[in-house]
Amino acid sequence: MPDLLLEQKDTSIQPAACRCGGLPTKPVMVFGCKHRWMIRCSVELCDAMIIGQGYDDTVNGWNHLAQHLFR
């Protein structure tokens, strides 16, 4: 039986560039979890990462993180 959560994700929402200028990874499912997604920066020295509940919320959370520089 196919995973209905995978069929319901909205792939029109795309992760924004990382706040350090690097490219984000594509959202990937967290191993061993249901409906949990992870995005991280592809730059080796950048530790930006987000794990969220739901594909859309994870991408939106990453985009918020990418647009705001926390100090």
N, C-alpha and C. Protein backbone atom coordinates (compact mmCIF):
# COMPACT_ATOMS: atom_id res chain seq x y z
N MET A 1 0.85 -1.19 0.00
CA MET A 1 0.00 0.00 0.00
C MET A 1 0.89 1.24 0.00
N PRO A 2 0.68 2.15 -0.96
CA PRO A 2 1.53 3.35 -1.00
C PRO A 2 1.29 4.26 0.20
N ASP A 3 2.31 4.98 0.58
CA ASP A 3 2.23 5.91 1.70
C ASP A 3 1.42 7.13 1.27
N LEU A 4 0.24 7.32 1.87
CA LEU A 4 -0.63 8.43 1.50
C LEU A 4 0.00 9.78 1.82
N LEU A 5 0.85 9.84 2.84
CA LEU A 5 1.49 11.10 3.18
C LEU A 5 2.42 11.57 2.07
N LEU A 6 3.08 10.64 1.40
CA LEU A 6 3.95 11.00 0.30
C LEU A 6 3.13 11.53 -0.88
N GLU A 7 1.96 10.98 -1.09
CA GLU A 7 1.12 11.41 -2.20
C GLU A 7 0.52 12.79 -1.95
N GLN A 8 0.41 13.20 -0.69
CA GLN A 8 -0.25 14.45 -0.35
C GLN A 8 0.69 15.64 -0.26
N LYS A 9 2.00 15.44 -0.38
CA LYS A 9 2.92 16.56 -0.25
C LYS A 9 2.77 17.52 -1.42
N ASP A 10 2.95 18.79 -1.17
CA ASP A 10 2.83 19.84 -2.18
C ASP A 10 4.23 20.20 -2.67
N THR A 11 4.63 19.63 -3.79
CA THR A 11 5.99 19.86 -4.29
C THR A 11 6.13 21.20 -5.00
N SER A 12 5.06 21.99 -5.06
CA SER A 12 5.17 23.32 -5.67
C SER A 12 5.89 24.29 -4.73
N ILE A 13 5.93 23.97 -3.43
CA ILE A 13 6.65 24.79 -2.45
C ILE A 13 8.10 24.34 -2.47
N GLN A 14 9.01 25.26 -2.73
CA GLN A 14 10.42 24.93 -2.85
C GLN A 14 11.23 25.65 -1.77
N PRO A 15 12.27 25.00 -1.24
CA PRO A 15 13.12 25.65 -0.24
C PRO A 15 13.89 26.82 -0.83
N ALA A 16 13.98 27.91 -0.08
CA ALA A 16 14.75 29.08 -0.49
C ALA A 16 16.23 28.81 -0.26
N ALA A 17 17.09 29.64 -0.83
CA ALA A 17 18.53 29.52 -0.61
C ALA A 17 18.83 29.68 0.88
N CYS A 18 19.86 29.02 1.34
CA CYS A 18 20.27 29.11 2.74
C CYS A 18 20.72 30.54 3.05
N ARG A 19 20.61 30.94 4.30
CA ARG A 19 20.98 32.31 4.67
C ARG A 19 22.47 32.59 4.48
N CYS A 20 23.29 31.52 4.36
CA CYS A 20 24.72 31.73 4.09
C CYS A 20 24.99 31.80 2.59
N GLY A 21 23.96 31.62 1.79
CA GLY A 21 24.12 31.66 0.34
C GLY A 21 24.20 30.29 -0.30
N GLY A 22 24.29 29.24 0.50
CA GLY A 22 24.36 27.88 -0.02
C GLY A 22 23.01 27.37 -0.48
N LEU A 23 23.04 26.28 -1.19
CA LEU A 23 21.80 25.67 -1.67
C LEU A 23 21.27 24.69 -0.63
N PRO A 24 19.95 24.66 -0.42
CA PRO A 24 19.39 23.69 0.51
C PRO A 24 19.26 22.32 -0.15
N THR A 25 19.27 21.28 0.66
CA THR A 25 18.97 19.96 0.13
C THR A 25 17.48 19.90 -0.17
N LYS A 26 17.07 18.94 -0.94
CA LYS A 26 15.65 18.70 -1.12
C LYS A 26 15.11 18.16 0.19
N PRO A 27 13.84 18.42 0.49
CA PRO A 27 13.27 17.84 1.72
C PRO A 27 13.34 16.31 1.66
N VAL A 28 13.85 15.69 2.72
CA VAL A 28 13.93 14.24 2.79
C VAL A 28 13.21 13.78 4.04
N MET A 29 12.59 12.61 3.95
CA MET A 29 11.89 12.06 5.10
C MET A 29 12.90 11.65 6.16
N VAL A 30 12.58 11.87 7.42
CA VAL A 30 13.44 11.47 8.53
C VAL A 30 13.27 9.98 8.74
N PHE A 31 14.38 9.24 8.72
CA PHE A 31 14.35 7.79 8.85
C PHE A 31 13.68 7.37 10.15
N GLY A 32 12.77 6.44 10.05
CA GLY A 32 12.10 5.90 11.23
C GLY A 32 10.94 6.74 11.74
N CYS A 33 10.61 7.83 11.04
CA CYS A 33 9.52 8.70 11.47
C CYS A 33 8.46 8.77 10.38
N LYS A 34 7.26 9.09 10.77
CA LYS A 34 6.18 9.29 9.81
C LYS A 34 5.88 10.78 9.70
N HIS A 35 5.81 11.26 8.48
CA HIS A 35 5.42 12.64 8.21
C HIS A 35 6.39 13.66 8.83
N ARG A 36 7.67 13.30 8.92
CA ARG A 36 8.71 14.23 9.41
C ARG A 36 9.71 14.41 8.29
N TRP A 37 10.06 15.67 8.02
CA TRP A 37 10.94 16.00 6.90
C TRP A 37 12.12 16.82 7.39
N MET A 38 13.23 16.74 6.67
CA MET A 38 14.43 17.48 7.05
C MET A 38 14.99 18.19 5.82
N ILE A 39 15.45 19.43 6.03
CA ILE A 39 16.17 20.21 5.02
C ILE A 39 17.42 20.71 5.72
N ARG A 40 18.55 20.66 5.03
CA ARG A 40 19.76 21.23 5.60
C ARG A 40 20.56 21.91 4.50
N CYS A 41 21.44 22.79 4.91
CA CYS A 41 22.27 23.53 3.97
C CYS A 41 23.33 22.61 3.38
N SER A 42 23.62 22.78 2.09
CA SER A 42 24.61 21.92 1.43
C SER A 42 26.05 22.39 1.66
N VAL A 43 26.23 23.58 2.26
CA VAL A 43 27.57 24.10 2.53
C VAL A 43 28.12 23.40 3.77
N GLU A 44 29.31 22.85 3.68
CA GLU A 44 29.87 22.02 4.74
C GLU A 44 30.01 22.76 6.07
N LEU A 45 30.37 24.03 6.04
CA LEU A 45 30.60 24.77 7.28
C LEU A 45 29.35 25.43 7.85
N CYS A 46 28.22 25.28 7.18
CA CYS A 46 26.97 25.87 7.66
C CYS A 46 26.16 24.79 8.37
N ASP A 47 25.68 25.10 9.56
CA ASP A 47 24.92 24.12 10.32
C ASP A 47 23.41 24.35 10.26
N ALA A 48 22.94 25.16 9.31
CA ALA A 48 21.51 25.41 9.21
C ALA A 48 20.79 24.11 8.87
N MET A 49 19.76 23.79 9.65
CA MET A 49 18.99 22.58 9.44
C MET A 49 17.63 22.77 10.09
N ILE A 50 16.62 22.15 9.54
CA ILE A 50 15.30 22.19 10.16
C ILE A 50 14.65 20.83 9.96
N ILE A 51 13.98 20.38 11.01
CA ILE A 51 13.17 19.17 10.94
C ILE A 51 11.78 19.57 11.38
N GLY A 52 10.78 19.22 10.59
CA GLY A 52 9.43 19.64 10.92
C GLY A 52 8.40 18.58 10.69
N GLN A 53 7.22 18.81 11.21
CA GLN A 53 6.08 17.92 11.04
C GLN A 53 5.36 18.32 9.76
N GLY A 54 5.39 17.48 8.77
CA GLY A 54 4.71 17.77 7.51
C GLY A 54 5.64 18.44 6.51
N TYR A 55 5.49 18.05 5.26
CA TYR A 55 6.33 18.55 4.18
C TYR A 55 6.20 20.06 4.02
N ASP A 56 4.97 20.54 3.88
CA ASP A 56 4.74 21.97 3.66
C ASP A 56 5.26 22.82 4.82
N ASP A 57 4.97 22.39 6.05
CA ASP A 57 5.42 23.15 7.22
C ASP A 57 6.94 23.18 7.32
N THR A 58 7.59 22.08 6.93
CA THR A 58 9.05 22.03 6.97
C THR A 58 9.65 23.00 5.96
N VAL A 59 9.12 23.02 4.74
CA VAL A 59 9.63 23.94 3.72
C VAL A 59 9.37 25.37 4.12
N ASN A 60 8.17 25.66 4.62
CA ASN A 60 7.85 27.03 5.06
C ASN A 60 8.74 27.45 6.23
N GLY A 61 9.02 26.54 7.15
CA GLY A 61 9.91 26.84 8.27
C GLY A 61 11.32 27.11 7.79
N TRP A 62 11.79 26.33 6.82
CA TRP A 62 13.13 26.57 6.25
C TRP A 62 13.17 27.94 5.59
N ASN A 63 12.15 28.27 4.82
CA ASN A 63 12.13 29.57 4.13
C ASN A 63 12.13 30.72 5.14
N HIS A 64 11.45 30.55 6.25
CA HIS A 64 11.47 31.58 7.30
C HIS A 64 12.88 31.69 7.90
N LEU A 65 13.49 30.53 8.18
CA LEU A 65 14.85 30.50 8.72
C LEU A 65 15.84 31.13 7.73
N ALA A 66 15.65 30.86 6.45
CA ALA A 66 16.58 31.36 5.42
C ALA A 66 16.48 32.87 5.25
N GLN A 67 15.34 33.46 5.58
CA GLN A 67 15.15 34.89 5.36
C GLN A 67 15.47 35.74 6.58
N HIS A 68 15.67 35.12 7.73
CA HIS A 68 15.90 35.87 8.95
C HIS A 68 17.23 35.43 9.56
N LEU A 69 18.11 36.37 9.80
CA LEU A 69 19.40 36.08 10.38
C LEU A 69 19.29 36.21 11.91
N PHE A 70 19.30 35.08 12.58
CA PHE A 70 19.21 35.08 14.03
C PHE A 70 20.59 35.33 14.61
N ARG A 71 20.66 36.12 15.65
CA ARG A 71 21.96 36.43 16.28
C ARG A 71 22.02 35.86 17.67
